[in-house]
Amino acid sequence: MISFDKIQFNNLEHRDRARLINSLAGVKPVNLIGTQNSDGVKNLCIVSSVVHLGADPALFGFVIRPDVVPRDTLDNLRVHPFLTVNHVHEDIVEQAHQTSARYEKGVDEFEKCGLKSEYIDHHPAPFVFSSHIKFAAKFLREIKIEENGTHFLICEITAVYCPKDALDEDYSLNITRSKTVGVSGLDRYLSLKSLGRLSYAKPEKPLKWISSF
């Protein structure tokens, strides 16, 4: 077994250390965040940090890197607090990954990365047309993380869109039916396979598999 203590991984070359530490969380969700600026220029940003914060109200958060260089998503939300979150699936992985490139400010990243935008139900931020599972949201609050200069953004879900066959009878989403992918580290994309669903855990009560997919 290989081991790294804090001194050893801090002594790794910057990019090597980043790849190691970014991979430690295991499989992460990968989503495209759609925003637009006050002039209506659309922006698209790939993130792997979307996290559930609560169902009532329906809140989630995600991390934006330090704004020592321009961060279009953060700048857009500060003046136009609406966004979309779009699952990445197996058929759009390359286009989604391309959004991590540093395009000039004012460039329509949907167009540059080969992804069609759409507006749904008058929500004032662009969705990814080809994404199967997506939701609309409003940006509520920004928390500056002093330890490393990143920004944690808290948002509220305002509408959800998904294929009918991805929704189980109890309203849980089966994201494998829509070919949603995950990511390990920054660039290792993974297809997902459902092992099934387990019963609600209670003390002294055996678990049961309630679904095989």
N, C-alpha and C. Protein backbone atom coordinates (compact mmCIF):
# COMPACT_ATOMS: atom_id res chain seq x y z
N MET A 1 0.84 -1.20 0.00
CA MET A 1 0.00 0.00 0.00
C MET A 1 0.87 1.24 0.00
N ILE A 2 0.50 2.25 -0.80
CA ILE A 2 1.19 3.53 -0.81
C ILE A 2 0.50 4.45 0.18
N SER A 3 1.28 5.22 0.93
CA SER A 3 0.68 6.16 1.87
C SER A 3 1.31 7.54 1.69
N PHE A 4 0.53 8.57 1.99
CA PHE A 4 1.00 9.95 1.94
C PHE A 4 0.61 10.64 3.23
N ASP A 5 1.57 11.18 3.96
CA ASP A 5 1.19 12.05 5.07
C ASP A 5 1.08 13.47 4.55
N LYS A 6 0.71 14.40 5.41
CA LYS A 6 0.46 15.77 4.97
C LYS A 6 1.70 16.39 4.32
N ILE A 7 2.86 16.13 4.89
CA ILE A 7 4.09 16.69 4.33
C ILE A 7 4.35 16.12 2.94
N GLN A 8 4.12 14.80 2.79
CA GLN A 8 4.39 14.17 1.50
C GLN A 8 3.45 14.66 0.41
N PHE A 9 2.13 14.75 0.67
CA PHE A 9 1.28 15.20 -0.41
C PHE A 9 1.41 16.70 -0.66
N ASN A 10 1.83 17.47 0.37
CA ASN A 10 2.09 18.88 0.13
C ASN A 10 3.36 19.11 -0.68
N ASN A 11 4.25 18.12 -0.68
CA ASN A 11 5.48 18.24 -1.46
C ASN A 11 5.33 17.75 -2.89
N LEU A 12 4.18 17.19 -3.23
CA LEU A 12 3.93 16.80 -4.61
C LEU A 12 3.84 18.03 -5.49
N GLU A 13 4.17 17.86 -6.77
CA GLU A 13 3.97 18.95 -7.73
C GLU A 13 2.51 19.38 -7.69
N HIS A 14 2.27 20.69 -7.88
CA HIS A 14 0.93 21.26 -7.68
C HIS A 14 -0.17 20.48 -8.38
N ARG A 15 0.02 20.18 -9.66
CA ARG A 15 -1.01 19.48 -10.42
C ARG A 15 -1.19 18.04 -9.94
N ASP A 16 -0.09 17.39 -9.57
CA ASP A 16 -0.19 16.02 -9.06
C ASP A 16 -0.96 15.99 -7.74
N ARG A 17 -0.67 16.94 -6.87
CA ARG A 17 -1.39 17.01 -5.59
C ARG A 17 -2.88 17.26 -5.82
N ALA A 18 -3.18 18.17 -6.75
CA ALA A 18 -4.58 18.47 -7.05
C ALA A 18 -5.33 17.24 -7.56
N ARG A 19 -4.66 16.47 -8.43
CA ARG A 19 -5.32 15.27 -8.96
C ARG A 19 -5.56 14.24 -7.86
N LEU A 20 -4.60 14.08 -6.96
CA LEU A 20 -4.75 13.12 -5.87
C LEU A 20 -5.88 13.54 -4.92
N ILE A 21 -5.84 14.77 -4.45
CA ILE A 21 -6.83 15.23 -3.47
C ILE A 21 -8.23 15.28 -4.08
N ASN A 22 -8.33 15.71 -5.34
CA ASN A 22 -9.63 15.77 -6.00
C ASN A 22 -10.26 14.40 -6.18
N SER A 23 -9.44 13.35 -6.21
CA SER A 23 -9.97 12.00 -6.42
C SER A 23 -10.43 11.33 -5.13
N LEU A 24 -10.03 11.86 -3.98
CA LEU A 24 -10.28 11.18 -2.72
C LEU A 24 -11.75 11.09 -2.34
N ALA A 25 -12.56 12.01 -2.82
CA ALA A 25 -13.99 11.99 -2.47
C ALA A 25 -14.74 10.87 -3.17
N GLY A 26 -14.10 10.19 -4.12
CA GLY A 26 -14.77 9.11 -4.84
C GLY A 26 -15.62 9.65 -5.97
N VAL A 27 -16.70 8.95 -6.28
CA VAL A 27 -17.57 9.35 -7.39
C VAL A 27 -18.40 10.57 -6.97
N LYS A 28 -18.37 11.61 -7.79
CA LYS A 28 -19.11 12.84 -7.50
C LYS A 28 -20.11 13.09 -8.62
N PRO A 29 -21.17 13.86 -8.32
CA PRO A 29 -22.09 14.25 -9.39
C PRO A 29 -21.40 15.20 -10.34
N VAL A 30 -21.81 15.21 -11.59
CA VAL A 30 -21.25 16.17 -12.55
C VAL A 30 -22.42 16.85 -13.25
N ASN A 31 -22.45 18.17 -13.15
CA ASN A 31 -23.56 18.96 -13.66
C ASN A 31 -23.04 20.17 -14.43
N LEU A 32 -23.90 20.67 -15.30
CA LEU A 32 -23.62 21.92 -16.00
C LEU A 32 -24.50 23.01 -15.41
N ILE A 33 -23.89 24.10 -14.98
CA ILE A 33 -24.60 25.25 -14.43
C ILE A 33 -24.79 26.28 -15.55
N GLY A 34 -26.05 26.60 -15.84
CA GLY A 34 -26.35 27.59 -16.86
C GLY A 34 -26.72 28.91 -16.23
N THR A 35 -26.08 29.99 -16.69
CA THR A 35 -26.40 31.33 -16.22
C THR A 35 -26.35 32.28 -17.41
N GLN A 36 -26.72 33.53 -17.17
CA GLN A 36 -26.51 34.56 -18.18
C GLN A 36 -26.25 35.88 -17.48
N ASN A 37 -25.55 36.80 -18.19
CA ASN A 37 -25.24 38.08 -17.58
C ASN A 37 -26.35 39.09 -17.86
N SER A 38 -26.16 40.31 -17.42
CA SER A 38 -27.19 41.33 -17.57
C SER A 38 -27.45 41.71 -19.02
N ASP A 39 -26.51 41.37 -19.92
CA ASP A 39 -26.70 41.63 -21.35
C ASP A 39 -27.30 40.43 -22.08
N GLY A 40 -27.60 39.35 -21.34
CA GLY A 40 -28.20 38.17 -21.95
C GLY A 40 -27.22 37.19 -22.55
N VAL A 41 -25.90 37.39 -22.31
CA VAL A 41 -24.90 36.46 -22.83
C VAL A 41 -24.91 35.21 -21.96
N LYS A 42 -25.07 34.05 -22.58
CA LYS A 42 -25.21 32.78 -21.85
C LYS A 42 -23.85 32.18 -21.48
N ASN A 43 -23.80 31.59 -20.31
CA ASN A 43 -22.57 30.96 -19.83
C ASN A 43 -22.88 29.55 -19.32
N LEU A 44 -21.92 28.67 -19.44
CA LEU A 44 -22.07 27.28 -19.01
C LEU A 44 -20.82 26.87 -18.26
N CYS A 45 -21.01 26.24 -17.11
CA CYS A 45 -19.90 25.88 -16.23
C CYS A 45 -20.10 24.46 -15.72
N ILE A 46 -19.09 23.61 -15.86
CA ILE A 46 -19.18 22.24 -15.34
C ILE A 46 -18.71 22.24 -13.88
N VAL A 47 -19.50 21.60 -13.01
CA VAL A 47 -19.16 21.53 -11.59
C VAL A 47 -19.37 20.10 -11.09
N SER A 48 -18.56 19.73 -10.09
CA SER A 48 -18.70 18.41 -9.49
C SER A 48 -18.93 18.52 -7.99
N SER A 49 -19.47 19.66 -7.57
CA SER A 49 -19.62 19.90 -6.13
C SER A 49 -21.06 20.17 -5.70
N VAL A 50 -22.03 19.92 -6.57
CA VAL A 50 -23.43 20.15 -6.19
C VAL A 50 -23.79 19.21 -5.04
N VAL A 51 -24.35 19.78 -3.96
CA VAL A 51 -24.68 18.98 -2.78
C VAL A 51 -26.06 19.37 -2.27
N HIS A 52 -26.84 18.36 -1.89
CA HIS A 52 -28.18 18.55 -1.31
C HIS A 52 -28.06 19.18 0.06
N LEU A 53 -28.85 20.24 0.31
CA LEU A 53 -28.84 20.90 1.62
C LEU A 53 -30.13 20.72 2.39
N GLY A 54 -31.21 20.32 1.72
CA GLY A 54 -32.48 20.13 2.41
C GLY A 54 -33.62 20.11 1.42
N ALA A 55 -34.73 19.44 1.82
CA ALA A 55 -35.86 19.28 0.92
C ALA A 55 -36.99 20.27 1.17
N ASP A 56 -37.02 20.91 2.34
CA ASP A 56 -38.11 21.82 2.65
C ASP A 56 -37.59 22.97 3.52
N PRO A 57 -37.17 24.07 2.88
CA PRO A 57 -37.22 24.36 1.45
C PRO A 57 -36.19 23.55 0.67
N ALA A 58 -36.40 23.49 -0.64
CA ALA A 58 -35.55 22.67 -1.51
C ALA A 58 -34.26 23.42 -1.82
N LEU A 59 -33.22 23.14 -1.05
CA LEU A 59 -31.96 23.87 -1.16
C LEU A 59 -30.82 22.95 -1.60
N PHE A 60 -29.89 23.53 -2.34
CA PHE A 60 -28.64 22.85 -2.67
C PHE A 60 -27.54 23.90 -2.68
N GLY A 61 -26.31 23.42 -2.72
CA GLY A 61 -25.18 24.33 -2.80
C GLY A 61 -24.12 23.78 -3.71
N PHE A 62 -23.20 24.64 -4.12
CA PHE A 62 -22.04 24.20 -4.90
C PHE A 62 -20.91 25.18 -4.70
N VAL A 63 -19.71 24.77 -5.07
CA VAL A 63 -18.50 25.55 -4.82
C VAL A 63 -17.99 26.17 -6.12
N ILE A 64 -17.61 27.44 -6.03
CA ILE A 64 -16.91 28.14 -7.11
C ILE A 64 -15.51 28.46 -6.62
N ARG A 65 -14.53 28.26 -7.48
CA ARG A 65 -13.14 28.49 -7.10
C ARG A 65 -12.88 29.99 -6.84
N PRO A 66 -11.74 30.32 -6.21
CA PRO A 66 -11.46 31.72 -5.86
C PRO A 66 -11.57 32.66 -7.06
N ASP A 67 -12.10 33.86 -6.82
CA ASP A 67 -12.29 34.81 -7.91
C ASP A 67 -11.10 35.75 -8.07
N VAL A 68 -9.89 35.18 -7.95
CA VAL A 68 -8.68 35.95 -8.25
C VAL A 68 -8.52 36.13 -9.76
N VAL A 69 -9.23 35.30 -10.52
CA VAL A 69 -9.38 35.47 -11.97
C VAL A 69 -10.89 35.54 -12.22
N PRO A 70 -11.32 36.04 -13.40
CA PRO A 70 -12.76 36.13 -13.66
C PRO A 70 -13.46 34.77 -13.52
N ARG A 71 -14.58 34.75 -12.82
CA ARG A 71 -15.43 33.57 -12.68
C ARG A 71 -16.82 33.98 -13.19
N ASP A 72 -17.09 33.66 -14.45
CA ASP A 72 -18.31 34.15 -15.08
C ASP A 72 -19.57 33.72 -14.35
N THR A 73 -19.61 32.47 -13.89
CA THR A 73 -20.80 31.98 -13.19
C THR A 73 -21.06 32.81 -11.94
N LEU A 74 -20.03 33.04 -11.15
CA LEU A 74 -20.17 33.83 -9.93
C LEU A 74 -20.55 35.27 -10.25
N ASP A 75 -19.86 35.87 -11.23
CA ASP A 75 -20.16 37.25 -11.60
C ASP A 75 -21.61 37.37 -12.10
N ASN A 76 -22.05 36.42 -12.91
CA ASN A 76 -23.41 36.46 -13.43
C ASN A 76 -24.44 36.38 -12.32
N LEU A 77 -24.24 35.46 -11.38
CA LEU A 77 -25.24 35.26 -10.32
C LEU A 77 -25.30 36.44 -9.36
N ARG A 78 -24.23 37.16 -9.22
CA ARG A 78 -24.24 38.32 -8.34
C ARG A 78 -25.14 39.44 -8.87
N VAL A 79 -25.34 39.46 -10.19
CA VAL A 79 -26.18 40.51 -10.78
C VAL A 79 -27.49 39.98 -11.36
N HIS A 80 -27.54 38.68 -11.63
CA HIS A 80 -28.72 38.06 -12.25
C HIS A 80 -28.91 36.71 -11.57
N PRO A 81 -29.59 36.65 -10.42
CA PRO A 81 -29.53 35.50 -9.52
C PRO A 81 -30.39 34.30 -9.91
N PHE A 82 -30.29 33.89 -11.16
CA PHE A 82 -31.04 32.72 -11.62
C PHE A 82 -30.09 31.78 -12.35
N LEU A 83 -30.33 30.48 -12.20
CA LEU A 83 -29.45 29.49 -12.79
C LEU A 83 -30.23 28.23 -13.11
N THR A 84 -29.60 27.37 -13.88
CA THR A 84 -30.12 26.02 -14.12
C THR A 84 -29.03 25.02 -13.79
N VAL A 85 -29.45 23.83 -13.38
CA VAL A 85 -28.52 22.73 -13.11
C VAL A 85 -28.94 21.57 -14.01
N ASN A 86 -28.01 21.10 -14.82
CA ASN A 86 -28.30 20.13 -15.87
C ASN A 86 -27.40 18.90 -15.72
N HIS A 87 -28.01 17.72 -15.54
CA HIS A 87 -27.22 16.50 -15.43
C HIS A 87 -26.45 16.26 -16.74
N VAL A 88 -25.22 15.81 -16.58
CA VAL A 88 -24.42 15.38 -17.73
C VAL A 88 -24.69 13.89 -17.94
N HIS A 89 -24.98 13.49 -19.18
CA HIS A 89 -25.18 12.08 -19.47
C HIS A 89 -24.15 11.61 -20.49
N GLU A 90 -24.15 10.32 -20.75
CA GLU A 90 -23.08 9.70 -21.52
C GLU A 90 -22.90 10.29 -22.92
N ASP A 91 -23.97 10.82 -23.50
CA ASP A 91 -23.90 11.31 -24.88
C ASP A 91 -23.34 12.72 -24.99
N ILE A 92 -23.17 13.44 -23.87
CA ILE A 92 -22.69 14.82 -23.96
C ILE A 92 -21.46 15.06 -23.09
N VAL A 93 -20.74 14.00 -22.74
CA VAL A 93 -19.59 14.14 -21.85
C VAL A 93 -18.52 15.05 -22.45
N GLU A 94 -18.18 14.88 -23.71
CA GLU A 94 -17.11 15.67 -24.31
C GLU A 94 -17.49 17.15 -24.37
N GLN A 95 -18.71 17.45 -24.77
CA GLN A 95 -19.14 18.85 -24.83
C GLN A 95 -19.15 19.46 -23.43
N ALA A 96 -19.61 18.67 -22.45
CA ALA A 96 -19.66 19.16 -21.07
C ALA A 96 -18.25 19.46 -20.55
N HIS A 97 -17.32 18.55 -20.81
CA HIS A 97 -15.95 18.75 -20.33
C HIS A 97 -15.32 19.98 -20.96
N GLN A 98 -15.66 20.27 -22.21
CA GLN A 98 -15.09 21.41 -22.92
C GLN A 98 -15.45 22.74 -22.24
N THR A 99 -16.55 22.76 -21.48
CA THR A 99 -16.94 24.00 -20.82
C THR A 99 -15.95 24.41 -19.73
N SER A 100 -15.04 23.51 -19.35
CA SER A 100 -14.03 23.86 -18.35
C SER A 100 -12.91 24.72 -18.94
N ALA A 101 -12.89 24.87 -20.27
CA ALA A 101 -11.90 25.73 -20.90
C ALA A 101 -12.16 27.19 -20.53
N ARG A 102 -11.10 27.99 -20.50
CA ARG A 102 -11.24 29.39 -20.11
C ARG A 102 -11.50 30.25 -21.35
N TYR A 103 -12.76 30.44 -21.65
CA TYR A 103 -13.14 31.29 -22.77
C TYR A 103 -13.14 32.76 -22.33
N GLU A 104 -12.99 33.63 -23.31
CA GLU A 104 -13.04 35.07 -23.03
C GLU A 104 -14.40 35.46 -22.49
N LYS A 105 -14.42 36.47 -21.65
CA LYS A 105 -15.67 36.98 -21.10
C LYS A 105 -16.57 37.46 -22.24
N GLY A 106 -17.86 37.15 -22.15
CA GLY A 106 -18.79 37.58 -23.18
C GLY A 106 -19.01 36.56 -24.28
N VAL A 107 -18.32 35.41 -24.20
CA VAL A 107 -18.49 34.34 -25.19
C VAL A 107 -19.66 33.45 -24.80
N ASP A 108 -20.51 33.09 -25.76
CA ASP A 108 -21.60 32.16 -25.51
C ASP A 108 -21.02 30.75 -25.46
N GLU A 109 -20.88 30.19 -24.24
CA GLU A 109 -20.22 28.90 -24.09
C GLU A 109 -21.09 27.74 -24.56
N PHE A 110 -22.42 27.91 -24.58
CA PHE A 110 -23.27 26.88 -25.18
C PHE A 110 -22.84 26.66 -26.63
N GLU A 111 -22.75 27.76 -27.35
CA GLU A 111 -22.42 27.69 -28.77
C GLU A 111 -21.01 27.15 -28.98
N LYS A 112 -20.05 27.65 -28.20
CA LYS A 112 -18.65 27.24 -28.37
C LYS A 112 -18.45 25.76 -28.08
N CYS A 113 -19.24 25.21 -27.16
CA CYS A 113 -19.04 23.82 -26.74
C CYS A 113 -20.00 22.85 -27.43
N GLY A 114 -20.80 23.35 -28.36
CA GLY A 114 -21.67 22.47 -29.13
C GLY A 114 -22.90 21.98 -28.41
N LEU A 115 -23.41 22.80 -27.49
CA LEU A 115 -24.61 22.43 -26.74
C LEU A 115 -25.70 23.47 -26.99
N LYS A 116 -26.88 23.01 -27.31
CA LYS A 116 -28.01 23.91 -27.59
C LYS A 116 -28.65 24.36 -26.29
N SER A 117 -28.98 25.63 -26.20
CA SER A 117 -29.66 26.16 -25.01
C SER A 117 -31.16 26.22 -25.24
N GLU A 118 -31.90 26.27 -24.16
CA GLU A 118 -33.34 26.46 -24.23
C GLU A 118 -33.82 27.16 -22.97
N TYR A 119 -34.96 27.85 -23.08
CA TYR A 119 -35.60 28.47 -21.93
C TYR A 119 -36.92 27.77 -21.70
N ILE A 120 -37.21 27.43 -20.44
CA ILE A 120 -38.42 26.67 -20.11
C ILE A 120 -39.25 27.45 -19.10
N ASP A 121 -40.55 27.57 -19.37
CA ASP A 121 -41.51 28.16 -18.42
C ASP A 121 -41.07 29.53 -17.90
N HIS A 122 -40.49 30.32 -18.78
CA HIS A 122 -40.12 31.70 -18.47
C HIS A 122 -39.04 31.82 -17.41
N HIS A 123 -38.35 30.74 -17.09
CA HIS A 123 -37.23 30.85 -16.15
C HIS A 123 -36.11 31.65 -16.83
N PRO A 124 -35.58 32.69 -16.18
CA PRO A 124 -34.65 33.60 -16.86
C PRO A 124 -33.19 33.14 -16.87
N ALA A 125 -32.96 31.86 -17.01
CA ALA A 125 -31.61 31.32 -17.18
C ALA A 125 -31.70 30.15 -18.15
N PRO A 126 -30.66 29.92 -18.94
CA PRO A 126 -30.72 28.90 -19.98
C PRO A 126 -30.47 27.49 -19.46
N PHE A 127 -31.26 26.54 -19.99
CA PHE A 127 -31.06 25.12 -19.75
C PHE A 127 -30.24 24.52 -20.90
N VAL A 128 -29.66 23.35 -20.64
CA VAL A 128 -29.04 22.55 -21.71
C VAL A 128 -30.13 21.70 -22.34
N PHE A 129 -30.42 21.95 -23.59
CA PHE A 129 -31.52 21.29 -24.28
C PHE A 129 -31.41 19.77 -24.21
N SER A 130 -30.21 19.23 -24.40
CA SER A 130 -30.03 17.79 -24.50
C SER A 130 -29.86 17.09 -23.15
N SER A 131 -29.83 17.85 -22.05
CA SER A 131 -29.74 17.22 -20.74
C SER A 131 -31.09 16.59 -20.41
N HIS A 132 -31.08 15.38 -19.85
CA HIS A 132 -32.32 14.67 -19.57
C HIS A 132 -32.96 15.09 -18.25
N ILE A 133 -32.15 15.28 -17.22
CA ILE A 133 -32.65 15.69 -15.91
C ILE A 133 -32.07 17.06 -15.59
N LYS A 134 -32.94 18.02 -15.29
CA LYS A 134 -32.46 19.38 -15.05
C LYS A 134 -33.44 20.10 -14.13
N PHE A 135 -32.93 21.15 -13.49
CA PHE A 135 -33.81 21.93 -12.63
C PHE A 135 -33.43 23.40 -12.62
N ALA A 136 -34.47 24.21 -12.38
CA ALA A 136 -34.31 25.66 -12.30
C ALA A 136 -34.07 26.05 -10.85
N ALA A 137 -33.34 27.14 -10.65
CA ALA A 137 -33.03 27.55 -9.29
C ALA A 137 -32.80 29.06 -9.21
N LYS A 138 -32.87 29.56 -7.97
CA LYS A 138 -32.55 30.95 -7.69
C LYS A 138 -31.41 30.99 -6.68
N PHE A 139 -30.41 31.81 -6.96
CA PHE A 139 -29.27 32.01 -6.08
C PHE A 139 -29.70 32.84 -4.87
N LEU A 140 -29.39 32.33 -3.67
CA LEU A 140 -29.82 32.99 -2.44
C LEU A 140 -28.69 33.67 -1.68
N ARG A 141 -27.56 32.97 -1.54
CA ARG A 141 -26.53 33.50 -0.64
C ARG A 141 -25.17 32.93 -0.99
N GLU A 142 -24.16 33.72 -0.76
CA GLU A 142 -22.76 33.34 -1.02
C GLU A 142 -21.99 33.34 0.29
N ILE A 143 -21.25 32.27 0.52
CA ILE A 143 -20.40 32.19 1.71
C ILE A 143 -18.95 32.10 1.26
N LYS A 144 -18.15 33.05 1.66
CA LYS A 144 -16.72 33.02 1.34
C LYS A 144 -16.01 32.09 2.33
N ILE A 145 -15.32 31.09 1.81
CA ILE A 145 -14.59 30.15 2.66
C ILE A 145 -13.18 30.70 2.84
N GLU A 146 -12.92 31.24 4.01
CA GLU A 146 -11.69 31.97 4.27
C GLU A 146 -10.44 31.10 4.14
N GLU A 147 -10.59 29.80 4.44
CA GLU A 147 -9.41 28.94 4.45
C GLU A 147 -8.75 28.80 3.08
N ASN A 148 -9.53 28.91 2.00
CA ASN A 148 -8.90 28.75 0.68
C ASN A 148 -9.44 29.73 -0.37
N GLY A 149 -10.31 30.64 0.03
CA GLY A 149 -10.79 31.65 -0.91
C GLY A 149 -11.89 31.20 -1.85
N THR A 150 -12.39 29.97 -1.69
CA THR A 150 -13.49 29.52 -2.54
C THR A 150 -14.81 30.11 -2.06
N HIS A 151 -15.85 29.94 -2.88
CA HIS A 151 -17.16 30.49 -2.59
C HIS A 151 -18.19 29.36 -2.60
N PHE A 152 -18.96 29.25 -1.54
CA PHE A 152 -20.03 28.27 -1.48
C PHE A 152 -21.34 29.01 -1.72
N LEU A 153 -22.07 28.60 -2.77
CA LEU A 153 -23.29 29.28 -3.17
C LEU A 153 -24.50 28.45 -2.76
N ILE A 154 -25.42 29.07 -2.03
CA ILE A 154 -26.66 28.42 -1.60
C ILE A 154 -27.79 28.85 -2.53
N CYS A 155 -28.53 27.87 -3.05
CA CYS A 155 -29.57 28.13 -4.04
C CYS A 155 -30.83 27.36 -3.69
N GLU A 156 -31.96 27.85 -4.20
CA GLU A 156 -33.25 27.19 -3.99
C GLU A 156 -33.79 26.66 -5.31
N ILE A 157 -34.23 25.40 -5.32
CA ILE A 157 -34.81 24.79 -6.52
C ILE A 157 -36.22 25.33 -6.71
N THR A 158 -36.53 25.75 -7.94
CA THR A 158 -37.86 26.31 -8.21
C THR A 158 -38.67 25.46 -9.20
N ALA A 159 -38.03 24.58 -9.95
CA ALA A 159 -38.76 23.70 -10.87
C ALA A 159 -37.84 22.55 -11.27
N VAL A 160 -38.44 21.37 -11.52
CA VAL A 160 -37.69 20.17 -11.88
C VAL A 160 -38.25 19.61 -13.18
N TYR A 161 -37.36 19.13 -14.06
CA TYR A 161 -37.75 18.54 -15.34
C TYR A 161 -36.99 17.23 -15.52
N CYS A 162 -37.73 16.15 -15.79
CA CYS A 162 -37.08 14.86 -15.97
C CYS A 162 -37.96 13.96 -16.83
N PRO A 163 -37.39 12.93 -17.45
CA PRO A 163 -38.20 11.98 -18.21
C PRO A 163 -39.13 11.20 -17.29
N LYS A 164 -40.30 10.87 -17.79
CA LYS A 164 -41.27 10.13 -16.98
C LYS A 164 -40.71 8.80 -16.50
N ASP A 165 -39.94 8.12 -17.34
CA ASP A 165 -39.46 6.80 -16.95
C ASP A 165 -38.28 6.85 -15.98
N ALA A 166 -37.79 8.05 -15.66
CA ALA A 166 -36.72 8.17 -14.67
C ALA A 166 -37.26 8.35 -13.26
N LEU A 167 -38.59 8.51 -13.15
CA LEU A 167 -39.21 8.78 -11.86
C LEU A 167 -39.95 7.55 -11.37
N ASP A 168 -39.55 7.04 -10.20
CA ASP A 168 -40.24 5.90 -9.61
C ASP A 168 -41.59 6.34 -9.03
N GLU A 169 -42.42 5.35 -8.69
CA GLU A 169 -43.76 5.66 -8.16
C GLU A 169 -43.71 6.46 -6.86
N ASP A 170 -42.63 6.31 -6.09
CA ASP A 170 -42.52 7.06 -4.84
C ASP A 170 -41.76 8.37 -5.02
N TYR A 171 -41.57 8.77 -6.27
CA TYR A 171 -40.95 10.04 -6.65
C TYR A 171 -39.44 10.09 -6.46
N SER A 172 -38.81 8.96 -6.26
CA SER A 172 -37.35 8.96 -6.27
C SER A 172 -36.87 8.86 -7.72
N LEU A 173 -35.77 9.54 -8.02
CA LEU A 173 -35.22 9.51 -9.37
C LEU A 173 -34.30 8.32 -9.54
N ASN A 174 -34.43 7.63 -10.64
CA ASN A 174 -33.47 6.59 -11.01
C ASN A 174 -32.61 7.17 -12.12
N ILE A 175 -31.48 7.76 -11.74
CA ILE A 175 -30.67 8.50 -12.70
C ILE A 175 -29.96 7.59 -13.70
N THR A 176 -29.87 6.29 -13.40
CA THR A 176 -29.22 5.40 -14.36
C THR A 176 -30.06 5.24 -15.62
N ARG A 177 -31.38 5.38 -15.52
CA ARG A 177 -32.23 5.26 -16.70
C ARG A 177 -32.00 6.40 -17.69
N SER A 178 -31.50 7.51 -17.20
CA SER A 178 -31.23 8.65 -18.06
C SER A 178 -29.74 8.77 -18.42
N LYS A 179 -28.97 7.74 -18.09
CA LYS A 179 -27.55 7.67 -18.44
C LYS A 179 -26.73 8.80 -17.83
N THR A 180 -27.18 9.32 -16.68
CA THR A 180 -26.40 10.32 -15.95
C THR A 180 -25.05 9.73 -15.58
N VAL A 181 -23.98 10.52 -15.70
CA VAL A 181 -22.65 10.04 -15.38
C VAL A 181 -22.14 10.68 -14.09
N GLY A 182 -21.08 10.09 -13.55
CA GLY A 182 -20.38 10.67 -12.42
C GLY A 182 -18.96 11.00 -12.83
N VAL A 183 -18.20 11.60 -11.92
CA VAL A 183 -16.81 11.93 -12.22
C VAL A 183 -15.96 11.63 -10.99
N SER A 184 -14.75 11.15 -11.23
CA SER A 184 -13.75 10.97 -10.18
C SER A 184 -12.61 11.92 -10.48
N GLY A 185 -12.23 12.72 -9.49
CA GLY A 185 -11.22 13.74 -9.75
C GLY A 185 -11.78 14.80 -10.67
N LEU A 186 -10.97 15.25 -11.62
CA LEU A 186 -11.36 16.32 -12.51
C LEU A 186 -11.75 15.86 -13.91
N ASP A 187 -11.35 14.63 -14.28
CA ASP A 187 -11.52 14.27 -15.69
C ASP A 187 -11.80 12.79 -15.96
N ARG A 188 -12.03 12.00 -14.92
CA ARG A 188 -12.33 10.59 -15.13
C ARG A 188 -13.84 10.38 -15.00
N TYR A 189 -14.51 10.26 -16.15
CA TYR A 189 -15.98 10.14 -16.16
C TYR A 189 -16.39 8.68 -16.06
N LEU A 190 -17.47 8.43 -15.33
CA LEU A 190 -17.90 7.06 -15.04
C LEU A 190 -19.37 6.87 -15.36
N SER A 191 -19.68 5.77 -16.03
CA SER A 191 -21.08 5.41 -16.18
C SER A 191 -21.54 4.78 -14.86
N LEU A 192 -22.82 4.90 -14.56
CA LEU A 192 -23.34 4.47 -13.26
C LEU A 192 -24.26 3.26 -13.44
N LYS A 193 -24.15 2.32 -12.51
CA LYS A 193 -25.00 1.14 -12.51
C LYS A 193 -25.72 1.06 -11.18
N SER A 194 -27.04 0.91 -11.23
CA SER A 194 -27.81 0.79 -9.99
C SER A 194 -27.69 -0.61 -9.42
N LEU A 195 -27.37 -0.70 -8.13
CA LEU A 195 -27.32 -1.99 -7.43
C LEU A 195 -28.68 -2.32 -6.83
N GLY A 196 -29.56 -1.34 -6.75
CA GLY A 196 -30.88 -1.54 -6.16
C GLY A 196 -31.11 -0.56 -5.03
N ARG A 197 -32.28 -0.66 -4.40
CA ARG A 197 -32.64 0.21 -3.30
C ARG A 197 -32.86 -0.62 -2.04
N LEU A 198 -32.41 -0.09 -0.91
CA LEU A 198 -32.57 -0.76 0.37
C LEU A 198 -33.70 -0.14 1.17
N SER A 199 -34.30 -0.93 2.05
CA SER A 199 -35.39 -0.46 2.90
C SER A 199 -34.87 0.56 3.91
N TYR A 200 -35.80 1.32 4.49
CA TYR A 200 -35.46 2.32 5.50
C TYR A 200 -34.81 1.63 6.71
N ALA A 201 -33.66 2.14 7.13
CA ALA A 201 -32.93 1.50 8.22
C ALA A 201 -33.52 1.84 9.58
N LYS A 202 -33.79 0.79 10.39
CA LYS A 202 -34.28 0.96 11.75
C LYS A 202 -33.49 0.04 12.68
N PRO A 203 -33.32 0.44 13.95
CA PRO A 203 -32.61 -0.43 14.88
C PRO A 203 -33.28 -1.80 15.00
N GLU A 204 -32.48 -2.83 15.01
CA GLU A 204 -32.94 -4.20 15.24
C GLU A 204 -33.86 -4.74 14.15
N LYS A 205 -33.95 -4.06 13.02
CA LYS A 205 -34.80 -4.55 11.93
C LYS A 205 -33.92 -4.85 10.72
N PRO A 206 -33.97 -6.10 10.19
CA PRO A 206 -33.12 -6.44 9.06
C PRO A 206 -33.45 -5.59 7.82
N LEU A 207 -32.42 -5.23 7.10
CA LEU A 207 -32.63 -4.51 5.84
C LEU A 207 -33.14 -5.46 4.78
N LYS A 208 -33.89 -4.89 3.84
CA LYS A 208 -34.36 -5.66 2.69
C LYS A 208 -34.11 -4.86 1.42
N TRP A 209 -33.77 -5.60 0.37
CA TRP A 209 -33.69 -4.98 -0.95
C TRP A 209 -35.12 -4.81 -1.46
N ILE A 210 -35.51 -3.55 -1.71
CA ILE A 210 -36.88 -3.29 -2.15
C ILE A 210 -36.97 -3.09 -3.67
N SER A 211 -35.79 -3.03 -4.29
CA SER A 211 -35.76 -2.89 -5.75
C SER A 211 -34.44 -3.44 -6.23
N SER A 212 -34.47 -4.09 -7.38
CA SER A 212 -33.24 -4.68 -7.92
C SER A 212 -32.61 -3.81 -8.99
N PHE A 213 -33.11 -2.60 -9.18
CA PHE A 213 -32.54 -1.73 -10.20
C PHE A 213 -32.62 -0.27 -9.76
